[in-house]
N, C-alpha and C. Protein backbone atom coordinates (compact mmCIF):
# COMPACT_ATOMS: atom_id res chain seq x y z
N MET A 1 70.61 63.12 80.16
CA MET A 1 71.95 63.76 80.11
C MET A 1 73.11 63.35 80.23
N CYS A 2 73.84 62.59 79.61
CA CYS A 2 75.15 61.88 79.94
C CYS A 2 76.10 62.82 80.94
N SER A 3 76.95 61.75 81.48
CA SER A 3 77.87 62.45 82.39
C SER A 3 78.67 63.56 81.64
N CYS A 4 79.16 62.97 80.62
CA CYS A 4 80.05 63.92 79.50
C CYS A 4 79.28 65.70 79.13
N GLN A 5 78.22 65.45 78.88
CA GLN A 5 77.16 66.76 78.81
C GLN A 5 77.56 67.50 79.95
N GLN A 6 77.33 66.85 81.22
CA GLN A 6 76.89 67.40 82.53
C GLN A 6 78.26 68.03 83.11
N GLN A 7 79.63 67.23 82.90
CA GLN A 7 80.60 68.06 82.92
C GLN A 7 80.98 69.58 82.21
N ASP A 8 80.37 69.20 80.83
CA ASP A 8 80.94 70.27 80.23
C ASP A 8 80.11 71.33 80.99
N ASP A 9 79.02 71.29 81.05
CA ASP A 9 77.64 72.50 81.50
C ASP A 9 78.80 72.69 82.75
N ASN A 10 78.87 71.89 83.81
CA ASN A 10 79.64 72.72 84.86
C ASN A 10 80.75 73.23 84.83
N HIS A 11 81.70 72.79 83.93
CA HIS A 11 82.68 73.44 83.37
C HIS A 11 82.58 74.74 83.03
N THR A 12 81.56 74.98 81.97
CA THR A 12 81.25 76.46 81.21
C THR A 12 80.52 77.05 82.83
N LEU A 13 79.69 76.28 83.52
CA LEU A 13 79.46 77.51 84.93
C LEU A 13 80.11 77.83 85.17
N ASN A 14 81.17 77.10 85.50
CA ASN A 14 82.24 77.70 86.37
C ASN A 14 83.26 78.50 85.96
N LYS A 15 83.61 78.47 84.58
CA LYS A 15 84.48 79.30 83.92
C LYS A 15 83.48 80.95 83.97
N LEU A 16 81.98 80.86 83.65
CA LEU A 16 80.95 81.91 83.96
C LEU A 16 81.00 82.26 85.56
N LYS A 17 81.30 81.82 86.08
CA LYS A 17 81.25 82.30 87.57
C LYS A 17 82.81 83.01 87.88
N ARG A 18 83.77 82.45 87.43
CA ARG A 18 85.04 82.81 87.81
C ARG A 18 85.13 84.37 86.79
N MET A 19 84.70 84.25 85.52
CA MET A 19 84.47 85.36 84.76
C MET A 19 83.73 86.71 85.66
N CYS A 20 82.74 86.20 85.90
CA CYS A 20 81.83 87.39 86.78
C CYS A 20 82.72 87.74 87.71
N ASP A 21 83.48 86.88 88.72
CA ASP A 21 84.36 87.38 89.62
C ASP A 21 85.41 88.38 89.33
N CYS A 22 86.26 87.92 88.05
CA CYS A 22 87.01 88.92 87.50
C CYS A 22 86.53 90.06 87.00
N ARG A 23 85.11 90.28 86.81
CA ARG A 23 84.61 91.38 86.09
C ARG A 23 84.50 92.22 87.37
N LYS A 24 83.77 92.02 88.33
CA LYS A 24 83.62 92.41 89.72
C LYS A 24 84.75 92.83 90.49
N ALA A 25 86.05 92.52 90.63
CA ALA A 25 87.12 92.58 90.96
C ALA A 25 87.51 93.51 90.33
N PHE A 26 87.49 93.75 88.72
CA PHE A 26 87.89 94.76 88.00
C PHE A 26 87.06 96.27 88.23
N ARG A 27 86.08 95.87 88.87
CA ARG A 27 85.24 97.08 88.80
C ARG A 27 85.56 97.52 89.98
N ASP A 28 85.35 96.62 91.13
CA ASP A 28 85.97 97.27 92.32
C ASP A 28 87.05 98.07 92.40
N TYR A 29 87.94 97.55 91.72
CA TYR A 29 89.41 98.00 91.45
C TYR A 29 89.28 99.21 90.89
N LYS A 30 88.87 99.40 89.46
CA LYS A 30 88.62 100.78 88.91
C LYS A 30 88.03 101.86 89.82
N ALA A 31 86.86 101.52 90.77
CA ALA A 31 86.31 102.67 91.25
C ALA A 31 86.92 103.35 92.62
N ASN A 32 87.94 102.30 92.81
CA ASN A 32 89.09 102.60 93.85
C ASN A 32 89.77 103.44 93.58
N HIS A 33 90.40 102.82 92.53
CA HIS A 33 91.38 103.91 91.59
C HIS A 33 90.75 105.18 91.05
N GLU A 34 89.48 105.24 90.88
CA GLU A 34 89.09 106.30 90.94
C GLU A 34 88.94 107.53 91.58
N ARG A 35 88.22 106.55 92.82
CA ARG A 35 88.44 107.30 94.08
C ARG A 35 89.74 107.94 94.60
N ARG A 36 90.73 107.27 94.19
CA ARG A 36 92.30 107.86 94.96
C ARG A 36 92.67 108.85 93.77
N ILE A 37 92.08 109.03 92.60
CA ILE A 37 92.66 109.78 92.08
C ILE A 37 92.10 111.22 92.24
N ALA A 38 90.46 111.03 92.13
CA ALA A 38 89.73 112.02 92.95
C ALA A 38 90.21 112.93 94.09
N LYS A 39 90.92 111.96 94.90
CA LYS A 39 91.19 112.41 96.42
C LYS A 39 92.41 113.16 96.07
N ALA A 40 93.28 112.81 95.15
CA ALA A 40 94.58 113.09 95.20
C ALA A 40 94.43 114.62 94.21
N PHE A 41 93.51 114.77 93.35
CA PHE A 41 93.42 115.75 92.74
C PHE A 41 92.73 116.82 93.65
N SER A 42 91.83 116.62 94.54
CA SER A 42 91.30 117.29 95.53
C SER A 42 92.04 118.21 96.34
N GLU A 43 93.08 117.57 96.39
CA GLU A 43 94.49 118.34 97.32
C GLU A 43 95.34 119.17 96.70
N LEU A 44 94.97 118.98 95.12
CA LEU A 44 95.87 120.32 94.65
C LEU A 44 95.06 121.54 94.77
N SER A 45 95.99 122.74 94.70
CA SER A 45 95.20 123.74 94.58
C SER A 45 94.57 124.34 93.39
N VAL A 46 93.50 125.19 93.15
CA VAL A 46 92.99 125.37 92.08
C VAL A 46 94.30 125.95 91.05
N SER A 47 94.99 126.63 91.51
CA SER A 47 96.03 126.74 90.37
C SER A 47 96.95 125.76 89.70
N GLN A 48 96.82 124.73 90.63
CA GLN A 48 97.51 123.51 90.03
C GLN A 48 96.65 122.95 89.26
N ARG A 49 95.26 122.58 89.50
CA ARG A 49 94.64 122.31 88.67
C ARG A 49 94.32 122.69 87.34
N ASP A 50 94.41 123.90 87.62
CA ASP A 50 94.26 125.00 86.21
C ASP A 50 95.35 124.73 85.23
N LEU A 51 96.50 124.61 85.73
CA LEU A 51 97.64 124.17 85.04
C LEU A 51 97.82 122.85 84.46
N LEU A 52 97.11 121.55 85.19
CA LEU A 52 96.84 120.84 84.46
C LEU A 52 95.99 120.40 83.29
N LYS A 53 94.81 121.27 83.90
CA LYS A 53 93.83 121.13 82.56
C LYS A 53 94.07 122.06 81.33
N ALA A 54 94.89 123.11 81.92
CA ALA A 54 95.52 123.81 80.45
C ALA A 54 96.35 123.30 79.54
N LEU A 55 97.20 122.58 80.35
CA LEU A 55 98.33 121.57 79.42
C LEU A 55 97.59 120.21 78.86
N TYR A 56 97.05 119.24 79.65
CA TYR A 56 96.67 118.00 79.51
C TYR A 56 95.38 117.99 78.61
N GLU A 57 94.42 118.89 79.17
CA GLU A 57 92.95 119.05 78.74
C GLU A 57 93.11 119.94 77.46
N ASP A 58 93.47 121.02 77.40
CA ASP A 58 93.10 122.18 76.51
C ASP A 58 94.73 121.85 75.76
N GLY A 59 95.26 121.16 76.03
CA GLY A 59 96.47 121.03 75.01
C GLY A 59 97.59 122.05 74.56
N MET A 60 97.57 123.05 75.67
CA MET A 60 98.39 124.14 75.53
C MET A 60 99.64 123.92 75.83
N SER A 61 100.70 124.46 75.41
CA SER A 61 102.37 124.32 75.88
C SER A 61 102.76 124.97 77.07
N LYS A 62 103.78 124.52 77.54
CA LYS A 62 104.39 125.31 78.71
C LYS A 62 104.66 126.86 78.47
N GLN A 63 105.18 126.86 77.20
CA GLN A 63 105.35 128.16 76.90
C GLN A 63 104.37 129.19 76.90
N GLU A 64 102.97 128.71 76.01
CA GLU A 64 101.89 129.10 75.93
C GLU A 64 101.10 129.72 77.46
N TYR A 65 101.18 128.46 78.20
CA TYR A 65 100.71 129.00 79.58
C TYR A 65 101.41 130.09 80.33
N ALA A 66 103.10 129.70 80.32
CA ALA A 66 103.50 130.74 81.05
C ALA A 66 103.39 132.15 80.50
N ASP A 67 103.25 132.17 78.99
CA ASP A 67 102.88 133.38 78.58
C ASP A 67 101.52 134.17 78.92
N ALA A 68 100.39 133.28 78.97
CA ALA A 68 99.06 133.53 79.67
C ALA A 68 99.22 134.07 80.80
N ILE A 69 100.12 133.55 81.61
CA ILE A 69 100.07 133.76 83.34
C ILE A 69 101.20 134.79 83.75
N GLY A 70 102.06 134.93 82.67
CA GLY A 70 103.16 135.98 83.31
C GLY A 70 104.40 135.69 84.03
N VAL A 71 104.67 134.53 83.32
CA VAL A 71 105.97 133.66 83.96
C VAL A 71 106.65 133.11 82.93
N SER A 72 107.99 132.59 83.84
CA SER A 72 108.74 131.82 82.94
C SER A 72 108.36 130.54 82.38
N PRO A 73 108.89 129.89 81.33
CA PRO A 73 108.45 128.14 81.30
C PRO A 73 109.18 127.49 82.09
N SER A 74 110.55 127.94 82.98
CA SER A 74 111.03 127.07 83.83
C SER A 74 109.95 127.23 85.06
N ALA A 75 109.21 128.24 85.52
CA ALA A 75 108.78 128.28 86.43
C ALA A 75 107.42 127.16 86.18
N ILE A 76 106.85 127.30 85.04
CA ILE A 76 105.85 125.97 84.73
C ILE A 76 106.51 124.58 85.08
N SER A 77 107.88 124.27 84.93
CA SER A 77 108.18 123.21 84.84
C SER A 77 108.44 122.66 86.14
N HIS A 78 108.89 124.00 87.30
CA HIS A 78 109.28 123.71 88.59
C HIS A 78 107.38 123.46 89.19
N ARG A 79 106.66 124.13 88.71
CA ARG A 79 105.23 123.83 89.46
C ARG A 79 104.69 122.51 88.93
N LEU A 80 104.94 122.24 87.85
CA LEU A 80 104.65 120.38 87.54
C LEU A 80 105.20 119.56 88.26
N GLU A 81 106.67 119.65 88.70
CA GLU A 81 107.55 119.10 89.50
C GLU A 81 106.61 118.74 90.69
N THR A 82 106.55 120.04 91.38
CA THR A 82 105.81 120.25 92.69
C THR A 82 104.58 119.12 92.70
N ILE A 83 103.84 119.30 91.57
CA ILE A 83 102.52 118.46 91.17
C ILE A 83 102.59 117.13 91.40
N ARG A 84 104.01 116.85 90.64
CA ARG A 84 104.17 115.56 90.45
C ARG A 84 104.75 114.57 92.09
N LYS A 85 105.20 115.60 92.88
CA LYS A 85 105.76 114.91 93.71
C LYS A 85 104.61 115.05 94.96
N LYS A 86 103.53 115.71 94.96
CA LYS A 86 101.91 115.72 95.44
C LYS A 86 101.18 114.46 95.27
N LEU A 87 101.56 114.66 93.73
CA LEU A 87 100.46 113.29 93.50
C LEU A 87 100.98 111.77 93.86
N LYS A 88 102.25 112.06 93.95
CA LYS A 88 102.92 110.56 93.89
C LYS A 88 102.85 110.12 95.42
N LYS A 89 102.52 111.32 96.20
CA LYS A 89 102.09 110.34 97.67
C LYS A 89 100.94 109.66 97.77
N PHE A 90 100.14 109.86 96.61
CA PHE A 90 98.69 109.08 96.53
C PHE A 90 98.95 107.78 95.91
């Protein structure tokens, strides 16, 4: 094998090692991020989690959710602001 080929092989191996390191770093970052999100959501009350699920997972509007639980839409907005402030701490 000529020295040029060996240099190319070493360069390729080094690139692959850096890619593996980047992938591992990304996996670690993602796992840490997911743990932090789970921890933040565990700090919410059941009613707060229900509100987020209804609006963002089930697609209900604030008005629909407010009607369903018998409060005003502004009460829902206030509850969402409380949730945002709570989640920002994480």
